[in-house]
Protein backbone atom coordinates (compact mmCIF):
# COMPACT_ATOMS: atom_id res chain seq x y z
CA MET A 1 -15.65 5.67 20.54
CA GLN A 2 -13.86 2.46 21.53
CA ASP A 3 -10.17 2.59 22.75
CA ILE A 4 -9.19 -0.21 20.18
CA SER A 5 -10.50 -1.31 16.80
CA VAL A 6 -8.83 -4.60 15.68
CA VAL A 7 -9.22 -5.31 12.03
CA ILE A 8 -8.49 -9.01 11.03
CA PRO A 9 -8.66 -9.85 7.36
CA LEU A 10 -8.81 -13.55 6.80
CA PHE A 11 -9.08 -16.35 4.20
CA ASN A 12 -9.59 -19.97 5.19
CA GLU A 13 -8.61 -19.63 8.93
CA GLU A 14 -11.32 -21.53 10.61
CA GLU A 15 -8.96 -23.41 13.04
CA SER A 16 -7.35 -20.29 14.53
CA LEU A 17 -10.30 -17.81 14.86
CA LYS A 18 -11.76 -18.78 18.36
CA GLU A 19 -8.22 -19.13 19.84
CA LEU A 20 -7.35 -15.66 18.45
CA HIS A 21 -10.51 -14.05 19.77
CA ALA A 22 -10.05 -15.48 23.28
CA TRP A 23 -6.44 -14.13 23.20
CA ILE A 24 -7.58 -10.62 22.14
CA VAL A 25 -10.25 -10.58 24.76
CA GLU A 26 -7.86 -11.57 27.49
CA VAL A 27 -5.37 -8.75 26.60
CA MET A 28 -8.18 -6.18 26.43
CA GLN A 29 -9.56 -7.21 29.79
CA GLU A 30 -6.14 -7.31 31.50
CA ASN A 31 -5.48 -3.78 30.26
CA LYS A 32 -8.99 -2.50 30.85
CA LEU A 33 -9.45 -1.30 27.25
CA SER A 34 -12.77 -1.01 25.51
CA TYR A 35 -12.56 -2.60 22.05
CA GLU A 36 -14.21 -4.00 18.88
CA VAL A 37 -12.97 -6.81 16.84
CA MET A 38 -13.70 -6.90 13.15
CA PHE A 39 -13.29 -10.18 11.28
CA VAL A 40 -13.41 -9.48 7.49
CA ASP A 41 -13.74 -12.85 5.65
CA ASP A 42 -12.33 -12.51 2.19
CA GLY A 43 -14.46 -15.22 0.55
CA SER A 44 -13.20 -18.19 2.53
CA ARG A 45 -14.15 -21.60 1.25
CA ASP A 46 -14.03 -23.37 4.63
CA ASN A 47 -16.21 -22.86 7.66
CA SER A 48 -14.50 -19.47 8.69
CA TRP A 49 -17.75 -17.55 8.41
CA LYS A 50 -19.68 -20.09 10.54
CA VAL A 51 -17.08 -19.76 13.17
CA ILE A 52 -17.32 -15.90 13.05
CA GLU A 53 -21.03 -16.06 13.51
CA GLU A 54 -20.65 -18.07 16.54
CA ILE A 55 -18.09 -15.71 17.93
CA CYS A 56 -20.43 -12.64 17.16
CA ALA A 57 -23.16 -14.40 18.89
CA ALA A 58 -21.15 -14.95 22.08
CA ASP A 59 -19.37 -11.51 22.23
CA ALA A 60 -21.24 -8.18 21.17
CA ASN A 61 -17.85 -6.48 20.67
CA VAL A 62 -17.18 -8.64 17.71
CA ARG A 63 -18.42 -7.82 14.16
CA GLY A 64 -18.14 -9.84 11.02
CA ILE A 65 -18.02 -8.96 7.31
CA LYS A 66 -18.15 -11.47 4.56
CA PHE A 67 -17.21 -11.02 0.97
CA ARG A 68 -19.07 -12.98 -1.71
CA ARG A 69 -15.76 -13.94 -3.26
CA ASN A 70 -12.01 -13.51 -2.71
CA TYR A 71 -11.09 -9.88 -3.43
CA GLY A 72 -7.76 -9.87 -1.67
CA LYS A 73 -6.20 -8.43 1.59
CA SER A 74 -6.37 -4.84 0.44
CA ALA A 75 -10.03 -4.89 -0.03
CA ALA A 76 -10.57 -6.59 3.30
CA LEU A 77 -8.50 -3.94 4.99
CA GLN A 78 -10.17 -1.00 3.24
CA THR A 79 -13.55 -2.33 4.16
CA GLY A 80 -12.50 -2.83 7.82
CA PHE A 81 -11.04 0.80 7.88
CA GLU A 82 -14.32 2.17 6.60
CA LYS A 83 -16.38 0.44 9.31
CA CYS A 84 -14.14 0.80 12.30
CA ASN A 85 -14.36 3.76 14.91
CA GLY A 86 -11.73 3.00 17.63
CA GLN A 87 -9.36 5.55 18.82
CA VAL A 88 -6.43 3.47 17.79
CA VAL A 89 -6.78 0.83 14.95
CA ILE A 90 -4.79 -2.38 15.02
CA THR A 91 -4.45 -4.75 11.95
CA MET A 92 -3.26 -8.26 12.36
CA ASP A 93 -3.42 -11.52 10.58
CA ALA A 94 -5.76 -14.28 11.60
CA ASP A 95 -3.06 -17.13 11.51
CA LEU A 96 -1.83 -16.67 15.07
CA GLN A 97 1.63 -15.58 13.86
CA ASP A 98 0.88 -11.99 15.21
CA SER A 99 0.68 -11.83 19.01
CA PRO A 100 -2.24 -9.76 20.51
CA ASP A 101 0.16 -9.16 23.52
CA GLU A 102 1.75 -6.48 21.42
CA ILE A 103 -1.41 -4.38 21.29
CA PRO A 104 -0.96 -2.36 24.44
CA GLU A 105 2.52 -1.18 23.65
CA LEU A 106 1.51 -0.34 20.10
CA ARG A 107 -1.44 1.78 21.46
CA LYS A 108 1.03 3.54 23.76
CA MET A 109 3.33 4.48 20.95
CA ILE A 110 0.37 6.01 19.01
CA LEU A 111 -1.19 7.91 21.87
CA GLU A 112 1.71 8.74 24.16
CA GLU A 113 4.68 9.01 21.71
CA GLY A 114 2.63 10.65 19.06
CA PHE A 115 3.24 8.29 16.15
CA ASP A 116 0.77 8.34 13.21
CA LEU A 117 1.50 4.73 12.31
CA VAL A 118 3.68 1.97 13.93
CA SER A 119 4.75 -1.02 11.91
CA GLY A 120 5.64 -4.30 13.44
CA TRP A 121 9.14 -5.67 12.58
CA LYS A 122 9.42 -9.41 12.85
CA ALA A 123 13.19 -9.48 13.40
CA LYS A 124 13.29 -13.26 13.98
CA ARG A 125 10.88 -14.97 11.41
CA TYR A 126 9.66 -18.54 11.13
CA ASP A 127 8.66 -18.33 7.40
CA PRO A 128 10.23 -20.55 4.80
CA ILE A 129 13.27 -19.30 2.97
CA SER A 130 11.14 -18.99 -0.20
CA LYS A 131 9.28 -16.19 1.51
CA THR A 132 12.06 -14.49 3.76
CA ILE A 133 14.54 -13.82 0.83
CA PRO A 134 11.91 -12.20 -1.51
CA THR A 135 10.58 -10.25 1.53
CA LYS A 136 14.10 -8.79 2.27
CA LEU A 137 14.57 -7.73 -1.35
CA PHE A 138 11.12 -6.23 -1.34
CA ASN A 139 11.76 -4.28 1.79
CA TRP A 140 15.10 -2.98 0.60
CA ALA A 141 13.55 -1.72 -2.73
CA THR A 142 10.79 0.03 -0.78
CA ARG A 143 13.16 1.72 1.60
CA LYS A 144 15.24 3.12 -1.23
CA MET A 145 12.32 4.27 -3.30
CA SER A 146 10.07 5.65 -0.56
CA GLY A 147 12.62 7.09 1.77
CA ILE A 148 10.82 5.35 4.73
CA TYR A 149 13.36 3.35 6.74
CA LEU A 150 11.26 0.40 8.08
CA HIS A 151 12.70 -3.18 8.22
CA ASP A 152 9.31 -4.81 7.52
CA PHE A 153 6.75 -3.03 5.25
CA ASN A 154 4.62 -6.03 4.88
CA CYS A 155 4.19 -7.03 8.53
CA GLY A 156 0.39 -7.54 9.13
CA LEU A 157 0.63 -6.23 12.69
CA LYS A 158 0.32 -2.45 12.63
CA ALA A 159 -1.17 0.32 14.70
CA TYR A 160 -2.70 3.53 13.32
CA LYS A 161 -4.44 6.63 14.43
CA ILE A 162 -8.08 6.60 13.46
CA GLU A 163 -7.40 9.69 11.28
CA VAL A 164 -4.87 7.69 9.16
CA VAL A 165 -7.21 4.88 8.28
CA LYS A 166 -9.94 7.21 7.42
CA ALA A 167 -7.63 9.31 5.13
CA ILE A 168 -5.91 6.67 3.06
CA GLU A 169 -7.35 4.24 0.46
CA VAL A 170 -6.04 0.84 0.07
CA TYR A 171 -6.79 -1.19 -3.23
CA GLY A 172 -5.44 -3.82 -5.52
CA GLU A 173 -2.34 -5.20 -3.66
CA MET A 174 -1.40 -1.99 -1.94
CA HIS A 175 -1.67 -3.24 1.60
CA ARG A 176 2.15 -3.91 1.43
CA TYR A 177 2.72 -0.10 1.04
CA ILE A 178 0.36 1.27 3.66
CA PRO A 179 3.29 3.32 5.26
CA VAL A 180 4.06 4.67 1.82
CA ILE A 181 0.38 5.62 1.20
CA ALA A 182 0.22 7.18 4.75
CA LYS A 183 3.28 9.22 4.10
CA TRP A 184 2.00 10.69 0.90
CA ALA A 185 -1.28 11.51 2.66
CA GLY A 186 0.74 13.74 5.09
CA PHE A 187 1.19 11.35 7.95
CA ARG A 188 5.03 11.48 8.29
CA LYS A 189 5.57 10.23 11.87
CA ILE A 190 5.91 6.51 11.12
CA GLY A 191 7.65 4.21 13.57
CA GLU A 192 8.60 0.65 14.07
CA LYS A 193 8.34 -1.84 16.79
CA VAL A 194 10.03 -5.30 17.17
CA VAL A 195 7.33 -7.80 17.53
CA ILE A 196 7.30 -11.54 18.23
CA HIS A 197 6.69 -13.80 15.12
CA ARG A 198 5.15 -17.14 16.03
CA GLU A 199 5.27 -20.28 13.87
CA ARG A 200 2.19 -21.00 11.94
CA LYS A 201 -0.12 -23.25 13.94
CA TYR A 202 -2.82 -24.02 11.45
CA GLY A 203 -3.18 -23.99 7.71
CA VAL A 204 -0.67 -23.01 5.05
CA THR A 205 0.84 -19.75 3.96
CA LYS A 206 -0.94 -17.79 1.27
CA PHE A 207 2.25 -16.13 0.01
CA GLY A 208 3.15 -16.82 -3.60
CA LEU A 209 6.02 -15.75 -5.85
CA GLU A 210 3.58 -13.78 -8.03
CA ARG A 211 2.87 -11.55 -5.09
CA PHE A 212 6.60 -10.65 -4.84
CA LEU A 213 6.71 -9.87 -8.57
CA PHE A 214 3.54 -7.67 -8.73
CA GLY A 215 4.67 -5.90 -5.52
CA PHE A 216 7.26 -3.86 -7.33
CA LEU A 217 4.83 -2.90 -9.99
CA ASP A 218 2.44 -1.77 -7.33
CA LEU A 219 5.20 0.32 -5.60
CA LEU A 220 5.88 2.02 -8.99
CA SER A 221 2.16 2.77 -9.32
CA ILE A 222 1.98 4.29 -5.83
CA MET A 223 5.05 6.49 -6.41
CA PHE A 224 3.73 7.69 -9.82
CA VAL A 225 0.26 8.43 -8.76
CA SER A 226 1.30 10.10 -5.46
CA LYS A 227 3.74 12.40 -7.36
CA PHE A 228 1.93 13.05 -10.66
CA GLY A 229 -1.68 12.10 -10.01
CA LYS A 230 -2.75 15.79 -9.82
CA LYS A 231 -0.20 17.31 -12.21
CA PRO A 232 0.42 14.58 -14.96
CA MET A 233 1.61 17.26 -17.49
CA HIS A 234 4.72 17.86 -15.32
CA LEU A 235 5.80 14.30 -16.19
CA PHE A 236 4.53 13.88 -19.77
CA GLY A 237 5.34 17.46 -20.69
CA ALA A 238 8.91 17.15 -19.57
CA LEU A 239 9.50 13.91 -21.43
CA GLY A 240 7.80 15.36 -24.48
CA THR A 241 9.84 18.58 -24.40
CA LEU A 242 13.18 16.56 -24.03
CA MET A 243 12.40 14.20 -26.82
CA PHE A 244 10.94 16.77 -29.23
CA ALA A 245 14.03 19.14 -28.58
CA PHE A 246 16.42 16.28 -29.04
CA GLY A 247 14.91 15.31 -32.43
CA PHE A 248 14.57 18.96 -33.53
CA ILE A 249 18.23 19.82 -32.72
CA PHE A 250 19.62 16.79 -34.47
CA ILE A 251 17.55 17.33 -37.69
CA THR A 252 18.62 21.07 -37.64
CA TYR A 253 22.16 19.70 -37.51
CA LEU A 254 21.71 17.36 -40.34
CA TRP A 255 20.12 20.20 -42.50
CA GLY A 256 23.22 22.33 -41.62
CA VAL A 257 25.47 19.49 -42.70
CA LYS A 258 23.49 19.28 -46.08
CA MET A 259 23.58 23.00 -46.72
CA PHE A 260 27.28 23.56 -46.00
CA SER A 261 28.84 20.37 -47.38
CA ASP A 262 28.82 18.13 -50.20
CA TYR A 263 26.69 15.55 -48.46
CA SER A 264 23.27 16.02 -50.15
CA VAL A 265 21.04 13.17 -49.13
CA ILE A 266 20.44 13.24 -45.41
CA THR A 267 17.70 10.54 -45.57
CA ASP A 268 20.39 8.05 -46.19
CA ARG A 269 21.51 8.52 -42.46
CA PRO A 270 19.84 6.43 -39.72
CA SER A 271 20.12 9.43 -37.37
CA PHE A 272 17.54 11.25 -39.54
CA TYR A 273 14.90 8.66 -38.78
CA PHE A 274 15.84 8.46 -35.10
CA SER A 275 15.32 12.19 -34.90
CA LEU A 276 11.99 12.04 -36.64
CA VAL A 277 10.83 9.31 -34.16
CA ALA A 278 12.02 11.37 -31.26
CA MET A 279 10.03 14.33 -32.41
CA ILE A 280 6.90 12.22 -33.09
CA LEU A 281 7.23 10.63 -29.66
CA GLY A 282 7.66 14.06 -28.05
CA VAL A 283 4.43 15.26 -29.62
CA GLN A 284 2.67 12.01 -28.41
CA PHE A 285 3.92 12.54 -24.85
CA PHE A 286 2.56 16.03 -24.96
CA LEU A 287 -0.89 14.77 -26.16
CA ALA A 288 -0.79 12.03 -23.38
CA GLY A 289 -0.10 14.85 -20.89
CA PHE A 290 -3.07 17.01 -22.15
CA ILE A 291 -5.41 14.06 -21.93
CA ALA A 292 -4.19 13.13 -18.37
CA GLU A 293 -4.72 16.82 -17.29
CA LEU A 294 -8.30 16.72 -18.70
CA VAL A 295 -8.94 13.43 -16.94
CA SER A 296 -7.50 14.86 -13.68
CA ARG A 297 -9.44 17.97 -13.87
CA ASN A 298 -12.70 16.05 -14.28
CA SER A 299 -11.96 13.90 -11.17
CA PRO A 300 -14.34 14.35 -8.34
CA HIS A 301 -11.35 14.23 -5.87
CA ARG A 302 -9.32 16.90 -7.71
CA ASN A 303 -9.86 19.41 -4.78
CA HIS A 304 -9.90 16.92 -1.90
CA TYR A 305 -7.18 17.67 0.71
CA GLU A 306 -6.51 16.24 4.02
CA LEU A 307 -6.86 18.78 6.73
CA GLU A 308 -5.05 18.36 10.14
CA LYS A 309 -6.60 21.30 12.11
CA VAL A 310 -8.94 24.30 11.45
CA LEU A 311 -9.26 27.07 13.91
C-alpha cells in the first residue's frame, strides 16, 4: 500500500498537467513518501490525454483513466476512489489553484490527529465575484442543513482515510457534498485546514450558474435519501396520516353541522372539497410509501452496513 494516493479529475487542462505532476513528485520526494498519482480525464477535448500518456511513460507511479465522454467531476472522483489504494487519499484539481505543498500536513491530520476527512478552506480566494458569492450562499445553506460546520464544502483539495473513499458513493453532482455523504456513512470526525488558493494560471473556470442552482437540489436529495432511503414509509406514512386525519376530521365536523343545524347542503362549502382532496392525497401518500417500501426491500443494498471493527 502506498502512503499517498492523489486523485486528480480533469477536463481540458493540458497546459497544467506536467507542471502539476512535477510539483507533486517534488513534494513526495522531499517528505520521503511513497505515492501514486491518478489522473482521471473526464472526456477532455484538448490534448490532455496525450500529456497524461507522456507522464505515465516517464513515471511508473502515475496512472491514467480516460472517459469516452464528459460524465462530470463526481464520476471522475468515484472512478478514482475505486482504483486507488493509498493509506491516505488526496483529491485536488488539475488547474494549479490547489497547492501540493499542503499534502504532508493534510496527511498528518489524517494519521496523527485521527480525522476521517479533512477539507481545505480557501480563506482568501482569487475567483471572480460571480463564483464567490454563490459559493458563500451554498456553503451557508449546507452548514445549516447538514450540521457540519465547514467554511468551504466545495474545495477540491481534501484528504481522506482510505476507508472513507471505499465506503461512500459519489454520483451526479454530489462531489460538492462529500463531507455530508461521509457523515451519513458514519465518518463523523471531519476537519478543516486553511489552504492557499492560487490564481488560475491556464485555461478558464468550469463553474457555471447552473451548478449553483442544481447544487441545492442535490443537497435535498442527499438529505432525503440518507434519512429515509431505508425507511421511506416513515416519511410518506406520516404525511399521509396527517393529511387523511385533517380531511376526515373536517368532514366529520361538516356532517355535524349538517345534522344539528339548519344548514343542509354541505357540498356548497369549499372546505368540503378541500377535505376530500386532503383525504385522497393522504391515501396516495400511503400508497407511495408502500411502493417505496417494496422497492427498498428489493434493493441489493438493503442489508449493507459499514463495519468499523470486528473482534
